[in-house]
Amino acid sequence: MNKREPVTATTVAAVAAQNAGHPLAADRAARYAQSLEPILQMVAGLRGLPLKDVEPAVVFRPAGAQRDD
């Protein structure tokens, strides 16, 4: 997998303007970039986990049980 570039304020501002039609001030884009970068670093760490042969856990719901949502 290719190493990604860090998120920059310029990137955040460009994506906001192009994709959402919402231009951002430079200081606000910088704050968003600062918040997004740790999240994307954690996602990259998850993608590196050796989960290819791991099966998901089976979850059983008792018969007749009702959910509250």
N, C-alpha and C. Protein backbone atom coordinates (compact mmCIF):
# COMPACT_ATOMS: atom_id res chain seq x y z
N MET A 1 0.84 -1.17 0.00
CA MET A 1 0.00 0.00 0.00
C MET A 1 0.89 1.23 0.00
N ASN A 2 0.51 2.22 -0.77
CA ASN A 2 1.30 3.43 -0.86
C ASN A 2 1.19 4.25 0.41
N LYS A 3 2.29 4.90 0.75
CA LYS A 3 2.28 5.80 1.91
C LYS A 3 1.53 7.06 1.53
N ARG A 4 0.59 7.45 2.33
CA ARG A 4 -0.20 8.63 2.02
C ARG A 4 0.50 9.89 2.50
N GLU A 5 0.15 10.98 1.89
CA GLU A 5 0.67 12.28 2.28
C GLU A 5 -0.17 12.80 3.45
N PRO A 6 0.42 13.56 4.35
CA PRO A 6 -0.37 14.14 5.45
C PRO A 6 -1.43 15.10 4.92
N VAL A 7 -2.52 15.21 5.65
CA VAL A 7 -3.59 16.14 5.29
C VAL A 7 -3.09 17.56 5.57
N THR A 8 -3.29 18.44 4.61
CA THR A 8 -2.89 19.84 4.79
C THR A 8 -4.12 20.74 4.75
N ALA A 9 -3.95 21.95 5.25
CA ALA A 9 -5.03 22.92 5.21
C ALA A 9 -5.43 23.23 3.77
N THR A 10 -4.45 23.23 2.87
CA THR A 10 -4.73 23.47 1.46
C THR A 10 -5.63 22.39 0.88
N THR A 11 -5.35 21.14 1.23
CA THR A 11 -6.17 20.02 0.77
C THR A 11 -7.59 20.11 1.31
N VAL A 12 -7.72 20.38 2.60
CA VAL A 12 -9.04 20.50 3.23
C VAL A 12 -9.84 21.61 2.58
N ALA A 13 -9.21 22.76 2.36
CA ALA A 13 -9.90 23.89 1.75
C ALA A 13 -10.33 23.57 0.32
N ALA A 14 -9.46 22.90 -0.42
CA ALA A 14 -9.80 22.56 -1.81
C ALA A 14 -10.94 21.56 -1.88
N VAL A 15 -10.93 20.55 -1.03
CA VAL A 15 -12.01 19.56 -1.02
C VAL A 15 -13.32 20.21 -0.60
N ALA A 16 -13.28 21.07 0.41
CA ALA A 16 -14.50 21.74 0.86
C ALA A 16 -15.09 22.61 -0.25
N ALA A 17 -14.23 23.30 -0.96
CA ALA A 17 -14.71 24.20 -2.02
C ALA A 17 -15.20 23.42 -3.24
N GLN A 18 -14.47 22.38 -3.63
CA GLN A 18 -14.81 21.64 -4.85
C GLN A 18 -15.96 20.68 -4.65
N ASN A 19 -15.93 19.91 -3.58
CA ASN A 19 -16.91 18.84 -3.39
C ASN A 19 -18.16 19.29 -2.64
N ALA A 20 -18.01 20.22 -1.73
CA ALA A 20 -19.16 20.65 -0.94
C ALA A 20 -19.64 22.04 -1.33
N GLY A 21 -18.89 22.72 -2.19
CA GLY A 21 -19.27 24.07 -2.57
C GLY A 21 -19.22 25.03 -1.39
N HIS A 22 -18.33 24.75 -0.45
CA HIS A 22 -18.26 25.54 0.78
C HIS A 22 -16.82 25.97 1.03
N PRO A 23 -16.43 27.14 0.57
CA PRO A 23 -15.05 27.58 0.81
C PRO A 23 -14.80 27.81 2.30
N LEU A 24 -13.58 27.51 2.72
CA LEU A 24 -13.20 27.66 4.12
C LEU A 24 -12.10 28.69 4.26
N ALA A 25 -12.11 29.41 5.37
CA ALA A 25 -11.01 30.31 5.68
C ALA A 25 -9.78 29.47 6.01
N ALA A 26 -8.62 30.01 5.78
CA ALA A 26 -7.36 29.27 5.98
C ALA A 26 -7.21 28.77 7.41
N ASP A 27 -7.57 29.57 8.40
CA ASP A 27 -7.41 29.14 9.79
C ASP A 27 -8.36 27.99 10.13
N ARG A 28 -9.55 28.03 9.60
CA ARG A 28 -10.51 26.95 9.85
C ARG A 28 -10.07 25.67 9.15
N ALA A 29 -9.58 25.78 7.93
CA ALA A 29 -9.07 24.61 7.21
C ALA A 29 -7.89 24.00 7.95
N ALA A 30 -7.05 24.83 8.53
CA ALA A 30 -5.90 24.33 9.30
C ALA A 30 -6.36 23.56 10.53
N ARG A 31 -7.39 24.05 11.20
CA ARG A 31 -7.92 23.33 12.37
C ARG A 31 -8.52 21.99 11.97
N TYR A 32 -9.26 21.97 10.85
CA TYR A 32 -9.82 20.70 10.37
C TYR A 32 -8.70 19.72 10.01
N ALA A 33 -7.68 20.20 9.34
CA ALA A 33 -6.56 19.33 8.96
C ALA A 33 -5.88 18.76 10.20
N GLN A 34 -5.72 19.59 11.20
CA GLN A 34 -5.10 19.16 12.45
C GLN A 34 -5.94 18.09 13.15
N SER A 35 -7.25 18.17 13.02
CA SER A 35 -8.14 17.18 13.62
C SER A 35 -8.21 15.90 12.80
N LEU A 36 -8.16 16.02 11.47
CA LEU A 36 -8.29 14.85 10.60
C LEU A 36 -7.05 13.97 10.57
N GLU A 37 -5.90 14.57 10.67
CA GLU A 37 -4.65 13.81 10.52
C GLU A 37 -4.52 12.65 11.52
N PRO A 38 -4.76 12.85 12.82
CA PRO A 38 -4.67 11.70 13.74
C PRO A 38 -5.68 10.60 13.43
N ILE A 39 -6.87 10.98 12.98
CA ILE A 39 -7.88 9.98 12.63
C ILE A 39 -7.39 9.14 11.46
N LEU A 40 -6.86 9.78 10.43
CA LEU A 40 -6.37 9.05 9.26
C LEU A 40 -5.16 8.20 9.60
N GLN A 41 -4.34 8.63 10.55
CA GLN A 41 -3.21 7.81 10.99
C GLN A 41 -3.71 6.54 11.67
N MET A 42 -4.78 6.67 12.47
CA MET A 42 -5.35 5.48 13.12
C MET A 42 -5.96 4.53 12.10
N VAL A 43 -6.64 5.06 11.09
CA VAL A 43 -7.22 4.23 10.04
C VAL A 43 -6.11 3.49 9.29
N ALA A 44 -5.02 4.17 9.01
CA ALA A 44 -3.90 3.52 8.34
C ALA A 44 -3.35 2.38 9.19
N GLY A 45 -3.31 2.57 10.49
CA GLY A 45 -2.86 1.50 11.38
C GLY A 45 -3.80 0.30 11.34
N LEU A 46 -5.10 0.55 11.28
CA LEU A 46 -6.07 -0.55 11.19
C LEU A 46 -5.93 -1.31 9.89
N ARG A 47 -5.67 -0.58 8.81
CA ARG A 47 -5.51 -1.24 7.51
C ARG A 47 -4.29 -2.15 7.48
N GLY A 48 -3.33 -1.89 8.34
CA GLY A 48 -2.13 -2.71 8.38
C GLY A 48 -2.25 -3.96 9.22
N LEU A 49 -3.36 -4.16 9.90
CA LEU A 49 -3.53 -5.34 10.75
C LEU A 49 -3.70 -6.60 9.89
N PRO A 50 -3.14 -7.71 10.35
CA PRO A 50 -3.24 -8.96 9.59
C PRO A 50 -4.59 -9.65 9.82
N LEU A 51 -5.62 -9.17 9.18
CA LEU A 51 -6.98 -9.68 9.41
C LEU A 51 -7.52 -10.49 8.24
N LYS A 52 -6.67 -10.85 7.32
CA LYS A 52 -7.13 -11.54 6.12
C LYS A 52 -7.87 -12.84 6.43
N ASP A 53 -7.40 -13.61 7.37
CA ASP A 53 -8.00 -14.90 7.67
C ASP A 53 -8.82 -14.90 8.96
N VAL A 54 -9.19 -13.74 9.45
CA VAL A 54 -9.96 -13.64 10.69
C VAL A 54 -11.45 -13.55 10.34
N GLU A 55 -12.23 -14.41 10.96
CA GLU A 55 -13.67 -14.43 10.75
C GLU A 55 -14.33 -13.53 11.79
N PRO A 56 -15.42 -12.86 11.44
CA PRO A 56 -16.12 -12.03 12.43
C PRO A 56 -16.77 -12.91 13.50
N ALA A 57 -16.94 -12.32 14.67
CA ALA A 57 -17.60 -13.03 15.76
C ALA A 57 -19.07 -13.23 15.42
N VAL A 58 -19.61 -14.35 15.84
CA VAL A 58 -21.03 -14.63 15.63
C VAL A 58 -21.80 -14.02 16.79
N VAL A 59 -22.86 -13.30 16.48
CA VAL A 59 -23.67 -12.68 17.52
C VAL A 59 -25.06 -13.29 17.47
N PHE A 60 -25.49 -13.82 18.60
CA PHE A 60 -26.80 -14.44 18.68
C PHE A 60 -27.74 -13.54 19.46
N ARG A 61 -28.99 -13.42 18.98
CA ARG A 61 -30.02 -12.68 19.69
C ARG A 61 -31.03 -13.72 20.18
N PRO A 62 -31.37 -13.67 21.45
CA PRO A 62 -32.34 -14.64 21.97
C PRO A 62 -33.66 -14.55 21.21
N ALA A 63 -34.28 -15.69 21.00
CA ALA A 63 -35.56 -15.73 20.30
C ALA A 63 -36.59 -14.93 21.07
N GLY A 64 -37.36 -14.11 20.36
CA GLY A 64 -38.40 -13.33 20.98
C GLY A 64 -37.93 -12.02 21.60
N ALA A 65 -36.62 -11.76 21.56
CA ALA A 65 -36.11 -10.51 22.11
C ALA A 65 -36.45 -9.35 21.20
N GLN A 66 -36.73 -8.21 21.78
CA GLN A 66 -37.04 -7.02 21.00
C GLN A 66 -35.96 -5.97 21.26
N ARG A 67 -35.68 -5.22 20.20
CA ARG A 67 -34.68 -4.16 20.31
C ARG A 67 -35.39 -2.87 20.70
N ASP A 68 -34.66 -1.98 21.37
CA ASP A 68 -35.23 -0.70 21.80
C ASP A 68 -34.96 0.42 20.83
N ASP A 69 -34.42 0.14 19.64
CA ASP A 69 -34.14 1.22 18.70
C ASP A 69 -35.21 1.24 17.69
